[in-house]
Amino acid sequence: MRQKIYVLGILFLFCAQLRAQKEFTNWYFGDNAGLVFEENFSTYLIDGQTNGAINPATISDKDGNLLFYFGNGIVFDKSHNVMLNGNDILSRAINTGTIIIPKPNSSGLYYLIT
């Protein structure tokens, strides 16, 4: 019984740490649509460039500010402009996913995996 409490406590701390980091606060997907997930509510966005996005992915900084997002083979910056070398990224297969993750031990570098 005691081991279960320890495991649950560690799991709770791990989840609380993930919640405190707001890298996944903003989501862009679909026809210009997006959501911002805040503490007690969410906000609908209509300013994205992900028209009919296949395999969308979004990343924000640790404070929840949008950094960039991906959809339909294009990477867009926080101002919704195509990023340098952000065109024609192959991710057209519907059954695969895309994720953006920070490069470990690095500030401002990310991997786009599709």
PDB file of N, CA and C in Angstrom:
ATOM      1  N   MET A   1       0.825  -1.195   0.000  1.00  0.00           N
ATOM      2  CA  MET A   1       0.000   0.000   0.000  1.00  0.00           C
ATOM      3  C   MET A   1       0.866   1.254   0.000  1.00  0.00           C
ATOM      4  N   ARG A   2       1.915   1.215   0.803  1.00  0.00           N
ATOM      5  CA  ARG A   2       2.806   2.369   0.898  1.00  0.00           C
ATOM      6  C   ARG A   2       3.500   2.663  -0.422  1.00  0.00           C
ATOM      7  N   GLN A   3       3.861   1.604  -1.154  1.00  0.00           N
ATOM      8  CA  GLN A   3       4.513   1.783  -2.446  1.00  0.00           C
ATOM      9  C   GLN A   3       3.575   2.462  -3.439  1.00  0.00           C
ATOM     10  N   LYS A   4       2.290   2.120  -3.385  1.00  0.00           N
ATOM     11  CA  LYS A   4       1.318   2.741  -4.281  1.00  0.00           C
ATOM     12  C   LYS A   4       1.217   4.235  -4.012  1.00  0.00           C
ATOM     13  N   ILE A   5       1.255   4.622  -2.748  1.00  0.00           N
ATOM     14  CA  ILE A   5       1.174   6.042  -2.384  1.00  0.00           C
ATOM     15  C   ILE A   5       2.402   6.781  -2.910  1.00  0.00           C
ATOM     16  N   TYR A   6       3.579   6.178  -2.761  1.00  0.00           N
ATOM     17  CA  TYR A   6       4.798   6.800  -3.271  1.00  0.00           C
ATOM     18  C   TYR A   6       4.740   6.964  -4.791  1.00  0.00           C
ATOM     19  N   VAL A   7       4.299   5.920  -5.472  1.00  0.00           N
ATOM     20  CA  VAL A   7       4.203   5.973  -6.933  1.00  0.00           C
ATOM     21  C   VAL A   7       3.204   7.046  -7.350  1.00  0.00           C
ATOM     22  N   LEU A   8       2.055   7.102  -6.702  1.00  0.00           N
ATOM     23  CA  LEU A   8       1.059   8.125  -7.024  1.00  0.00           C
ATOM     24  C   LEU A   8       1.590   9.524  -6.730  1.00  0.00           C
ATOM     25  N   GLY A   9       2.325   9.677  -5.640  1.00  0.00           N
ATOM     26  CA  GLY A   9       2.914  10.973  -5.306  1.00  0.00           C
ATOM     27  C   GLY A   9       3.925  11.429  -6.348  1.00  0.00           C
ATOM     28  N   ILE A  10       4.779  10.529  -6.779  1.00  0.00           N
ATOM     29  CA  ILE A  10       5.768  10.851  -7.807  1.00  0.00           C
ATOM     30  C   ILE A  10       5.066  11.171  -9.124  1.00  0.00           C
ATOM     31  N   LEU A  11       4.056  10.392  -9.469  1.00  0.00           N
ATOM     32  CA  LEU A  11       3.301  10.650 -10.685  1.00  0.00           C
ATOM     33  C   LEU A  11       2.623  12.016 -10.629  1.00  0.00           C
ATOM     34  N   PHE A  12       2.058  12.369  -9.489  1.00  0.00           N
ATOM     35  CA  PHE A  12       1.419  13.669  -9.322  1.00  0.00           C
ATOM     36  C   PHE A  12       2.429  14.799  -9.503  1.00  0.00           C
ATOM     37  N   LEU A  13       3.602  14.677  -8.893  1.00  0.00           N
ATOM     38  CA  LEU A  13       4.634  15.705  -9.042  1.00  0.00           C
ATOM     39  C   LEU A  13       5.089  15.833 -10.486  1.00  0.00           C
ATOM     40  N   PHE A  14       5.221  14.710 -11.166  1.00  0.00           N
ATOM     41  CA  PHE A  14       5.610  14.730 -12.564  1.00  0.00           C
ATOM     42  C   PHE A  14       4.557  15.450 -13.408  1.00  0.00           C
ATOM     43  N   CYS A  15       3.294  15.133 -13.189  1.00  0.00           N
ATOM     44  CA  CYS A  15       2.209  15.774 -13.937  1.00  0.00           C
ATOM     45  C   CYS A  15       2.115  17.257 -13.597  1.00  0.00           C
ATOM     46  N   ALA A  16       2.325  17.633 -12.361  1.00  0.00           N
ATOM     47  CA  ALA A  16       2.293  19.038 -11.967  1.00  0.00           C
ATOM     48  C   ALA A  16       3.414  19.804 -12.665  1.00  0.00           C
ATOM     49  N   GLN A  17       4.572  19.186 -12.792  1.00  0.00           N
ATOM     50  CA  GLN A  17       5.692  19.814 -13.488  1.00  0.00           C
ATOM     51  C   GLN A  17       5.354  20.016 -14.960  1.00  0.00           C
ATOM     52  N   LEU A  18       4.720  19.037 -15.588  1.00  0.00           N
ATOM     53  CA  LEU A  18       4.331  19.179 -16.987  1.00  0.00           C
ATOM     54  C   LEU A  18       3.298  20.281 -17.158  1.00  0.00           C
ATOM     55  N   ARG A  19       2.394  20.395 -16.225  1.00  0.00           N
ATOM     56  CA  ARG A  19       1.359  21.426 -16.292  1.00  0.00           C
ATOM     57  C   ARG A  19       1.963  22.817 -16.155  1.00  0.00           C
ATOM     58  N   ALA A  20       3.008  22.930 -15.357  1.00  0.00           N
ATOM     59  CA  ALA A  20       3.639  24.225 -15.139  1.00  0.00           C
ATOM     60  C   ALA A  20       4.360  24.709 -16.386  1.00  0.00           C
ATOM     61  N   GLN A  21       4.815  23.798 -17.209  1.00  0.00           N
ATOM     62  CA  GLN A  21       5.474  24.163 -18.453  1.00  0.00           C
ATOM     63  C   GLN A  21       4.396  24.280 -19.525  1.00  0.00           C
ATOM     64  N   LYS A  22       4.315  25.404 -20.172  1.00  0.00           N
ATOM     65  CA  LYS A  22       3.193  25.689 -21.061  1.00  0.00           C
ATOM     66  C   LYS A  22       3.533  25.554 -22.543  1.00  0.00           C
ATOM     67  N   GLU A  23       4.428  24.631 -22.876  1.00  0.00           N
ATOM     68  CA  GLU A  23       4.834  24.458 -24.264  1.00  0.00           C
ATOM     69  C   GLU A  23       3.693  24.027 -25.176  1.00  0.00           C
ATOM     70  N   PHE A  24       2.654  23.444 -24.603  1.00  0.00           N
ATOM     71  CA  PHE A  24       1.537  22.955 -25.404  1.00  0.00           C
ATOM     72  C   PHE A  24       0.263  23.747 -25.151  1.00  0.00           C
ATOM     73  N   THR A  25       0.395  25.017 -24.785  1.00  0.00           N
ATOM     74  CA  THR A  25      -0.753  25.891 -24.524  1.00  0.00           C
ATOM     75  C   THR A  25      -1.517  26.214 -25.802  1.00  0.00           C
ATOM     76  N   ASN A  26      -0.816  26.448 -26.900  1.00  0.00           N
ATOM     77  CA  ASN A  26      -1.436  26.829 -28.172  1.00  0.00           C
ATOM     78  C   ASN A  26      -1.514  25.635 -29.105  1.00  0.00           C
ATOM     79  N   TRP A  27      -2.654  25.478 -29.764  1.00  0.00           N
ATOM     80  CA  TRP A  27      -2.833  24.428 -30.770  1.00  0.00           C
ATOM     81  C   TRP A  27      -3.408  25.055 -32.023  1.00  0.00           C
ATOM     82  N   TYR A  28      -2.804  24.776 -33.167  1.00  0.00           N
ATOM     83  CA  TYR A  28      -3.370  25.176 -34.457  1.00  0.00           C
ATOM     84  C   TYR A  28      -3.648  23.924 -35.267  1.00  0.00           C
ATOM     85  N   PHE A  29      -4.798  23.906 -35.936  1.00  0.00           N
ATOM     86  CA  PHE A  29      -5.242  22.734 -36.687  1.00  0.00           C
ATOM     87  C   PHE A  29      -6.390  23.158 -37.601  1.00  0.00           C
ATOM     88  N   GLY A  30      -6.769  22.313 -38.536  1.00  0.00           N
ATOM     89  CA  GLY A  30      -7.965  22.543 -39.345  1.00  0.00           C
ATOM     90  C   GLY A  30      -7.912  23.786 -40.208  1.00  0.00           C
ATOM     91  N   ASP A  31      -9.069  24.349 -40.494  1.00  0.00           N
ATOM     92  CA  ASP A  31      -9.201  25.511 -41.374  1.00  0.00           C
ATOM     93  C   ASP A  31      -8.998  26.801 -40.597  1.00  0.00           C
ATOM     94  N   ASN A  32      -7.753  27.213 -40.478  1.00  0.00           N
ATOM     95  CA  ASN A  32      -7.350  28.433 -39.759  1.00  0.00           C
ATOM     96  C   ASN A  32      -7.689  28.386 -38.273  1.00  0.00           C
ATOM     97  N   ALA A  33      -8.111  27.260 -37.776  1.00  0.00           N
ATOM     98  CA  ALA A  33      -8.592  27.151 -36.401  1.00  0.00           C
ATOM     99  C   ALA A  33      -7.466  26.859 -35.424  1.00  0.00           C
ATOM    100  N   GLY A  34      -7.700  27.247 -34.189  1.00  0.00           N
ATOM    101  CA  GLY A  34      -6.762  26.959 -33.118  1.00  0.00           C
ATOM    102  C   GLY A  34      -7.417  27.136 -31.768  1.00  0.00           C
ATOM    103  N   LEU A  35      -6.727  26.700 -30.740  1.00  0.00           N
ATOM    104  CA  LEU A  35      -7.182  26.853 -29.358  1.00  0.00           C
ATOM    105  C   LEU A  35      -6.008  27.265 -28.497  1.00  0.00           C
ATOM    106  N   VAL A  36      -6.305  28.094 -27.499  1.00  0.00           N
ATOM    107  CA  VAL A  36      -5.338  28.427 -26.455  1.00  0.00           C
ATOM    108  C   VAL A  36      -5.912  27.865 -25.163  1.00  0.00           C
ATOM    109  N   PHE A  37      -5.187  26.951 -24.533  1.00  0.00           N
ATOM    110  CA  PHE A  37      -5.626  26.349 -23.288  1.00  0.00           C
ATOM    111  C   PHE A  37      -5.017  27.105 -22.120  1.00  0.00           C
ATOM    112  N   GLU A  38      -5.844  27.779 -21.353  1.00  0.00           N
ATOM    113  CA  GLU A  38      -5.412  28.497 -20.168  1.00  0.00           C
ATOM    114  C   GLU A  38      -5.768  27.684 -18.931  1.00  0.00           C
ATOM    115  N   GLU A  39      -5.497  28.209 -17.772  1.00  0.00           N
ATOM    116  CA  GLU A  39      -5.707  27.495 -16.515  1.00  0.00           C
ATOM    117  C   GLU A  39      -7.153  27.023 -16.349  1.00  0.00           C
ATOM    118  N   ASN A  40      -8.125  27.909 -16.510  1.00  0.00           N
ATOM    119  CA  ASN A  40      -9.518  27.559 -16.256  1.00  0.00           C
ATOM    120  C   ASN A  40     -10.429  27.693 -17.469  1.00  0.00           C
ATOM    121  N   PHE A  41      -9.876  28.030 -18.617  1.00  0.00           N
ATOM    122  CA  PHE A  41     -10.707  28.209 -19.805  1.00  0.00           C
ATOM    123  C   PHE A  41      -9.863  28.032 -21.054  1.00  0.00           C
ATOM    124  N   SER A  42     -10.521  28.025 -22.202  1.00  0.00           N
ATOM    125  CA  SER A  42      -9.799  27.984 -23.468  1.00  0.00           C
ATOM    126  C   SER A  42     -10.364  29.061 -24.391  1.00  0.00           C
ATOM    127  N   THR A  43      -9.552  29.514 -25.313  1.00  0.00           N
ATOM    128  CA  THR A  43      -9.935  30.554 -26.263  1.00  0.00           C
ATOM    129  C   THR A  43      -9.818  29.996 -27.670  1.00  0.00           C
ATOM    130  N   TYR A  44     -10.823  30.260 -28.484  1.00  0.00           N
ATOM    131  CA  TYR A  44     -10.833  29.813 -29.875  1.00  0.00           C
ATOM    132  C   TYR A  44     -10.072  30.823 -30.735  1.00  0.00           C
ATOM    133  N   LEU A  45      -9.218  30.321 -31.633  1.00  0.00           N
ATOM    134  CA  LEU A  45      -8.438  31.172 -32.528  1.00  0.00           C
ATOM    135  C   LEU A  45      -8.870  30.956 -33.970  1.00  0.00           C
ATOM    136  N   ILE A  46      -8.819  32.004 -34.772  1.00  0.00           N
ATOM    137  CA  ILE A  46      -9.159  31.876 -36.194  1.00  0.00           C
ATOM    138  C   ILE A  46      -8.086  32.519 -37.081  1.00  0.00           C
ATOM    139  N   ASP A  47      -6.890  32.707 -36.538  1.00  0.00           N
ATOM    140  CA  ASP A  47      -5.841  33.402 -37.278  1.00  0.00           C
ATOM    141  C   ASP A  47      -4.746  32.496 -37.830  1.00  0.00           C
ATOM    142  N   GLY A  48      -4.900  31.189 -37.703  1.00  0.00           N
ATOM    143  CA  GLY A  48      -3.872  30.267 -38.176  1.00  0.00           C
ATOM    144  C   GLY A  48      -3.838  30.143 -39.686  1.00  0.00           C
ATOM    145  N   GLN A  49      -2.799  29.486 -40.191  1.00  0.00           N
ATOM    146  CA  GLN A  49      -2.617  29.284 -41.623  1.00  0.00           C
ATOM    147  C   GLN A  49      -2.660  27.808 -41.992  1.00  0.00           C
ATOM    148  N   THR A  50      -3.277  26.991 -41.167  1.00  0.00           N
ATOM    149  CA  THR A  50      -3.239  25.544 -41.343  1.00  0.00           C
ATOM    150  C   THR A  50      -4.453  25.012 -42.088  1.00  0.00           C
ATOM    151  N   ASN A  51      -4.833  25.605 -43.172  1.00  0.00           N
ATOM    152  CA  ASN A  51      -6.036  25.212 -43.928  1.00  0.00           C
ATOM    153  C   ASN A  51      -6.084  23.712 -44.190  1.00  0.00           C
ATOM    154  N   GLY A  52      -7.033  23.042 -43.543  1.00  0.00           N
ATOM    155  CA  GLY A  52      -7.193  21.606 -43.721  1.00  0.00           C
ATOM    156  C   GLY A  52      -5.967  20.820 -43.324  1.00  0.00           C
ATOM    157  N   ALA A  53      -5.307  21.224 -42.270  1.00  0.00           N
ATOM    158  CA  ALA A  53      -3.997  20.675 -41.900  1.00  0.00           C
ATOM    159  C   ALA A  53      -4.000  19.165 -41.727  1.00  0.00           C
ATOM    160  N   ILE A  54      -2.993  18.551 -42.319  1.00  0.00           N
ATOM    161  CA  ILE A  54      -2.700  17.136 -42.104  1.00  0.00           C
ATOM    162  C   ILE A  54      -1.508  17.092 -41.158  1.00  0.00           C
ATOM    163  N   ASN A  55      -1.625  16.340 -40.091  1.00  0.00           N
ATOM    164  CA  ASN A  55      -0.551  16.190 -39.109  1.00  0.00           C
ATOM    165  C   ASN A  55      -0.084  17.516 -38.513  1.00  0.00           C
ATOM    166  N   PRO A  56      -0.972  18.326 -37.945  1.00  0.00           N
ATOM    167  CA  PRO A  56      -0.538  19.607 -37.382  1.00  0.00           C
ATOM    168  C   PRO A  56       0.274  19.414 -36.103  1.00  0.00           C
ATOM    169  N   ALA A  57       1.099  20.398 -35.792  1.00  0.00           N
ATOM    170  CA  ALA A  57       1.866  20.406 -34.540  1.00  0.00           C
ATOM    171  C   ALA A  57       2.144  21.858 -34.174  1.00  0.00           C
ATOM    172  N   THR A  58       2.178  22.137 -32.887  1.00  0.00           N
ATOM    173  CA  THR A  58       2.398  23.494 -32.399  1.00  0.00           C
ATOM    174  C   THR A  58       3.314  23.447 -31.191  1.00  0.00           C
ATOM    175  N   ILE A  59       4.143  24.481 -31.017  1.00  0.00           N
ATOM    176  CA  ILE A  59       4.997  24.584 -29.826  1.00  0.00           C
ATOM    177  C   ILE A  59       4.985  26.026 -29.330  1.00  0.00           C
ATOM    178  N   SER A  60       4.956  26.163 -28.003  1.00  0.00           N
ATOM    179  CA  SER A  60       5.009  27.465 -27.345  1.00  0.00           C
ATOM    180  C   SER A  60       6.214  27.479 -26.413  1.00  0.00           C
ATOM    181  N   ASP A  61       6.564  28.649 -25.914  1.00  0.00           N
ATOM    182  CA  ASP A  61       7.661  28.712 -24.949  1.00  0.00           C
ATOM    183  C   ASP A  61       7.152  28.319 -23.564  1.00  0.00           C
ATOM    184  N   LYS A  62       8.029  28.329 -22.571  1.00  0.00           N
ATOM    185  CA  LYS A  62       7.667  27.879 -21.223  1.00  0.00           C
ATOM    186  C   LYS A  62       6.609  28.750 -20.562  1.00  0.00           C
ATOM    187  N   ASP A  63       6.392  29.964 -21.113  1.00  0.00           N
ATOM    188  CA  ASP A  63       5.365  30.859 -20.575  1.00  0.00           C
ATOM    189  C   ASP A  63       4.059  30.777 -21.351  1.00  0.00           C
ATOM    190  N   GLY A  64       3.987  29.927 -22.367  1.00  0.00           N
ATOM    191  CA  GLY A  64       2.775  29.753 -23.146  1.00  0.00           C
ATOM    192  C   GLY A  64       2.656  30.655 -24.353  1.00  0.00           C
ATOM    193  N   ASN A  65       3.725  31.360 -24.724  1.00  0.00           N
ATOM    194  CA  ASN A  65       3.713  32.217 -25.912  1.00  0.00           C
ATOM    195  C   ASN A  65       4.009  31.386 -27.153  1.00  0.00           C
ATOM    196  N   LEU A  66       3.189  31.525 -28.168  1.00  0.00           N
ATOM    197  CA  LEU A  66       3.366  30.774 -29.401  1.00  0.00           C
ATOM    198  C   LEU A  66       4.747  31.033 -29.994  1.00  0.00           C
ATOM    199  N   LEU A  67       5.437  29.957 -30.381  1.00  0.00           N
ATOM    200  CA  LEU A  67       6.727  30.078 -31.068  1.00  0.00           C
ATOM    201  C   LEU A  67       6.552  29.822 -32.562  1.00  0.00           C
ATOM    202  N   PHE A  68       6.039  28.634 -32.906  1.00  0.00           N
ATOM    203  CA  PHE A  68       5.782  28.294 -34.297  1.00  0.00           C
ATOM    204  C   PHE A  68       4.869  27.088 -34.360  1.00  0.00           C
ATOM    205  N   TYR A  69       4.346  26.836 -35.560  1.00  0.00           N
ATOM    206  CA  TYR A  69       3.466  25.690 -35.750  1.00  0.00           C
ATOM    207  C   TYR A  69       3.606  25.142 -37.157  1.00  0.00           C
ATOM    208  N   PHE A  70       3.072  23.948 -37.371  1.00  0.00           N
ATOM    209  CA  PHE A  70       3.261  23.197 -38.601  1.00  0.00           C
ATOM    210  C   PHE A  70       1.929  22.645 -39.085  1.00  0.00           C
ATOM    211  N   GLY A  71       1.704  22.677 -40.388  1.00  0.00           N
ATOM    212  CA  GLY A  71       0.534  22.057 -40.984  1.00  0.00           C
ATOM    213  C   GLY A  71       0.672  21.995 -42.488  1.00  0.00           C
ATOM    214  N   ASN A  72       0.264  20.876 -43.076  1.00  0.00           N
ATOM    215  CA  ASN A  72       0.308  20.683 -44.529  1.00  0.00           C
ATOM    216  C   ASN A  72       1.700  20.880 -45.126  1.00  0.00           C
ATOM    217  N   GLY A  73       2.718  20.481 -44.398  1.00  0.00           N
ATOM    218  CA  GLY A  73       4.075  20.556 -44.918  1.00  0.00           C
ATOM    219  C   GLY A  73       4.716  21.924 -44.839  1.00  0.00           C
ATOM    220  N   ILE A  74       4.124  22.858 -44.077  1.00  0.00           N
ATOM    221  CA  ILE A  74       4.654  24.216 -43.963  1.00  0.00           C
ATOM    222  C   ILE A  74       4.807  24.582 -42.493  1.00  0.00           C
ATOM    223  N   VAL A  75       5.913  25.244 -42.151  1.00  0.00           N
ATOM    224  CA  VAL A  75       6.158  25.723 -40.796  1.00  0.00           C
ATOM    225  C   VAL A  75       5.907  27.229 -40.768  1.00  0.00           C
ATOM    226  N   PHE A  76       5.044  27.666 -39.844  1.00  0.00           N
ATOM    227  CA  PHE A  76       4.696  29.077 -39.697  1.00  0.00           C
ATOM    228  C   PHE A  76       5.238  29.617 -38.383  1.00  0.00           C
ATOM    229  N   ASP A  77       5.702  30.873 -38.382  1.00  0.00           N
ATOM    230  CA  ASP A  77       6.184  31.495 -37.150  1.00  0.00           C
ATOM    231  C   ASP A  77       5.004  32.045 -36.347  1.00  0.00           C
ATOM    232  N   LYS A  78       5.301  32.681 -35.222  1.00  0.00           N
ATOM    233  CA  LYS A  78       4.254  33.193 -34.342  1.00  0.00           C
ATOM    234  C   LYS A  78       3.427  34.298 -34.978  1.00  0.00           C
ATOM    235  N   SER A  79       3.944  34.913 -36.049  1.00  0.00           N
ATOM    236  CA  SER A  79       3.197  35.947 -36.774  1.00  0.00           C
ATOM    237  C   SER A  79       2.460  35.369 -37.980  1.00  0.00           C
ATOM    238  N   HIS A  80       2.458  34.034 -38.100  1.00  0.00           N
ATOM    239  CA  HIS A  80       1.752  33.299 -39.147  1.00  0.00           C
ATOM    240  C   HIS A  80       2.388  33.469 -40.527  1.00  0.00           C
ATOM    241  N   ASN A  81       3.688  33.755 -40.556  1.00  0.00           N
ATOM    242  CA  ASN A  81       4.453  33.824 -41.795  1.00  0.00           C
ATOM    243  C   ASN A  81       5.226  32.522 -41.970  1.00  0.00           C
ATOM    244  N   VAL A  82       5.461  32.120 -43.209  1.00  0.00           N
ATOM    245  CA  VAL A  82       6.248  30.920 -43.466  1.00  0.00           C
ATOM    246  C   VAL A  82       7.678  31.160 -42.994  1.00  0.00           C
ATOM    247  N   MET A  83       8.207  30.225 -42.210  1.00  0.00           N
ATOM    248  CA  MET A  83       9.572  30.355 -41.704  1.00  0.00           C
ATOM    249  C   MET A  83      10.582  30.028 -42.806  1.00  0.00           C
ATOM    250  N   LEU A  84      11.805  30.500 -42.635  1.00  0.00           N
ATOM    251  CA  LEU A  84      12.896  30.212 -43.552  1.00  0.00           C
ATOM    252  C   LEU A  84      13.050  28.701 -43.676  1.00  0.00           C
ATOM    253  N   ASN A  85      13.077  28.193 -44.894  1.00  0.00           N
ATOM    254  CA  ASN A  85      13.155  26.755 -45.177  1.00  0.00           C
ATOM    255  C   ASN A  85      11.961  25.988 -44.614  1.00  0.00           C
ATOM    256  N   GLY A  86      10.836  26.655 -44.435  1.00  0.00           N
ATOM    257  CA  GLY A  86       9.655  26.031 -43.846  1.00  0.00           C
ATOM    258  C   GLY A  86       8.658  25.488 -44.845  1.00  0.00           C
ATOM    259  N   ASN A  87       8.985  25.498 -46.131  1.00  0.00           N
ATOM    260  CA  ASN A  87       8.087  24.989 -47.172  1.00  0.00           C
ATOM    261  C   ASN A  87       8.393  23.551 -47.545  1.00  0.00           C
ATOM    262  N   ASP A  88       7.382  22.856 -48.005  1.00  0.00           N
ATOM    263  CA  ASP A  88       7.527  21.520 -48.604  1.00  0.00           C
ATOM    264  C   ASP A  88       8.202  20.499 -47.706  1.00  0.00           C
ATOM    265  N   ILE A  89       7.828  20.485 -46.444  1.00  0.00           N
ATOM    266  CA  ILE A  89       8.336  19.458 -45.533  1.00  0.00           C
ATOM    267  C   ILE A  89       7.437  18.245 -45.691  1.00  0.00           C
ATOM    268  N   LEU A  90       8.025  17.128 -46.015  1.00  0.00           N
ATOM    269  CA  LEU A  90       7.244  15.938 -46.329  1.00  0.00           C
ATOM    270  C   LEU A  90       6.575  15.362 -45.087  1.00  0.00           C
ATOM    271  N   SER A  91       5.261  15.425 -45.071  1.00  0.00           N
ATOM    272  CA  SER A  91       4.473  14.823 -43.998  1.00  0.00           C
ATOM    273  C   SER A  91       3.066  14.576 -44.506  1.00  0.00           C
ATOM    274  N   ARG A  92       2.962  14.145 -45.717  1.00  0.00           N
ATOM    275  CA  ARG A  92       1.659  14.023 -46.360  1.00  0.00           C
ATOM    276  C   ARG A  92       0.885  12.762 -45.967  1.00  0.00           C
ATOM    277  N   ALA A  93       1.522  11.785 -45.389  1.00  0.00           N
ATOM    278  CA  ALA A  93       0.824  10.548 -45.024  1.00  0.00           C
ATOM    279  C   ALA A  93      -0.160  10.813 -43.888  1.00  0.00           C
ATOM    280  N   ILE A  94      -1.406  10.455 -44.087  1.00  0.00           N
ATOM    281  CA  ILE A  94      -2.463  10.744 -43.114  1.00  0.00           C
ATOM    282  C   ILE A  94      -2.300   9.917 -41.841  1.00  0.00           C
ATOM    283  N   ASN A  95      -1.757   8.722 -41.937  1.00  0.00           N
ATOM    284  CA  ASN A  95      -1.691   7.840 -40.780  1.00  0.00           C
ATOM    285  C   ASN A  95      -0.482   8.077 -39.889  1.00  0.00           C
ATOM    286  N   THR A  96       0.307   9.073 -40.168  1.00  0.00           N
ATOM    287  CA  THR A  96       1.442   9.383 -39.307  1.00  0.00           C
ATOM    288  C   THR A  96       1.166  10.672 -38.558  1.00  0.00           C
ATOM    289  N   GLY A  97       1.918  10.934 -37.548  1.00  0.00           N
ATOM    290  CA  GLY A  97       1.741  12.146 -36.766  1.00  0.00           C
ATOM    291  C   GLY A  97       2.960  13.037 -36.855  1.00  0.00           C
ATOM    292  N   THR A  98       2.826  14.218 -36.281  1.00  0.00           N
ATOM    293  CA  THR A  98       3.923  15.178 -36.243  1.00  0.00           C
ATOM    294  C   THR A  98       4.016  15.713 -34.826  1.00  0.00           C
ATOM    295  N   ILE A  99       5.223  15.929 -34.361  1.00  0.00           N
ATOM    296  CA  ILE A  99       5.438  16.504 -33.040  1.00  0.00           C
ATOM    297  C   ILE A  99       6.638  17.446 -33.108  1.00  0.00           C
ATOM    298  N   ILE A 100       6.591  18.483 -32.304  1.00  0.00           N
ATOM    299  CA  ILE A 100       7.710  19.417 -32.174  1.00  0.00           C
ATOM    300  C   ILE A 100       8.215  19.288 -30.746  1.00  0.00           C
ATOM    301  N   ILE A 101       9.509  19.014 -30.588  1.00  0.00           N
ATOM    302  CA  ILE A 101      10.077  18.880 -29.248  1.00  0.00           C
ATOM    303  C   ILE A 101      11.348  19.723 -29.136  1.00  0.00           C
ATOM    304  N   PRO A 102      11.599  20.265 -27.942  1.00  0.00           N
ATOM    305  CA  PRO A 102      12.831  21.037 -27.745  1.00  0.00           C
ATOM    306  C   PRO A 102      14.056  20.132 -27.794  1.00  0.00           C
ATOM    307  N   LYS A 103      15.146  20.638 -28.364  1.00  0.00           N
ATOM    308  CA  LYS A 103      16.404  19.901 -28.348  1.00  0.00           C
ATOM    309  C   LYS A 103      16.940  19.939 -26.920  1.00  0.00           C
ATOM    310  N   PRO A 104      17.279  18.781 -26.350  1.00  0.00           N
ATOM    311  CA  PRO A 104      17.782  18.747 -24.975  1.00  0.00           C
ATOM    312  C   PRO A 104      19.027  19.609 -24.788  1.00  0.00           C
ATOM    313  N   ASN A 105      19.119  20.246 -23.646  1.00  0.00           N
ATOM    314  CA  ASN A 105      20.262  21.076 -23.270  1.00  0.00           C
ATOM    315  C   ASN A 105      20.544  22.193 -24.277  1.00  0.00           C
ATOM    316  N   SER A 106      19.494  22.714 -24.874  1.00  0.00           N
ATOM    317  CA  SER A 106      19.653  23.759 -25.871  1.00  0.00           C
ATOM    318  C   SER A 106      18.562  24.793 -25.674  1.00  0.00           C
ATOM    319  N   SER A 107      18.860  26.022 -25.961  1.00  0.00           N
ATOM    320  CA  SER A 107      17.888  27.100 -25.844  1.00  0.00           C
ATOM    321  C   SER A 107      17.480  27.581 -27.232  1.00  0.00           C
ATOM    322  N   GLY A 108      16.230  27.411 -27.585  1.00  0.00           N
ATOM    323  CA  GLY A 108      15.738  27.907 -28.848  1.00  0.00           C
ATOM    324  C   GLY A 108      15.874  26.991 -30.042  1.00  0.00           C
ATOM    325  N   LEU A 109      16.327  25.766 -29.833  1.00  0.00           N
ATOM    326  CA  LEU A 109      16.417  24.797 -30.932  1.00  0.00           C
ATOM    327  C   LEU A 109      15.386  23.697 -30.725  1.00  0.00           C
ATOM    328  N   TYR A 110      14.715  23.311 -31.814  1.00  0.00           N
ATOM    329  CA  TYR A 110      13.629  22.344 -31.718  1.00  0.00           C
ATOM    330  C   TYR A 110      13.759  21.318 -32.840  1.00  0.00           C
ATOM    331  N   TYR A 111      13.203  20.126 -32.597  1.00  0.00           N
ATOM    332  CA  TYR A 111      13.093  19.093 -33.616  1.00  0.00           C
ATOM    333  C   TYR A 111      11.648  19.039 -34.072  1.00  0.00           C
ATOM    334  N   LEU A 112      11.436  18.996 -35.376  1.00  0.00           N
ATOM    335  CA  LEU A 112      10.135  18.757 -35.972  1.00  0.00           C
ATOM    336  C   LEU A 112      10.185  17.330 -36.499  1.00  0.00           C
ATOM    337  N   ILE A 113       9.418  16.454 -35.884  1.00  0.00           N
ATOM    338  CA  ILE A 113       9.459  15.039 -36.232  1.00  0.00           C
ATOM    339  C   ILE A 113       8.134  14.669 -36.879  1.00  0.00           C
ATOM    340  N   THR A 114       8.220  14.133 -38.076  1.00  0.00           N
ATOM    341  CA  THR A 114       7.017  13.724 -38.793  1.00  0.00           C
ATOM    342  C   THR A 114       7.255  12.401 -39.505  1.00  0.00           C
TER     343      THR A 114
END
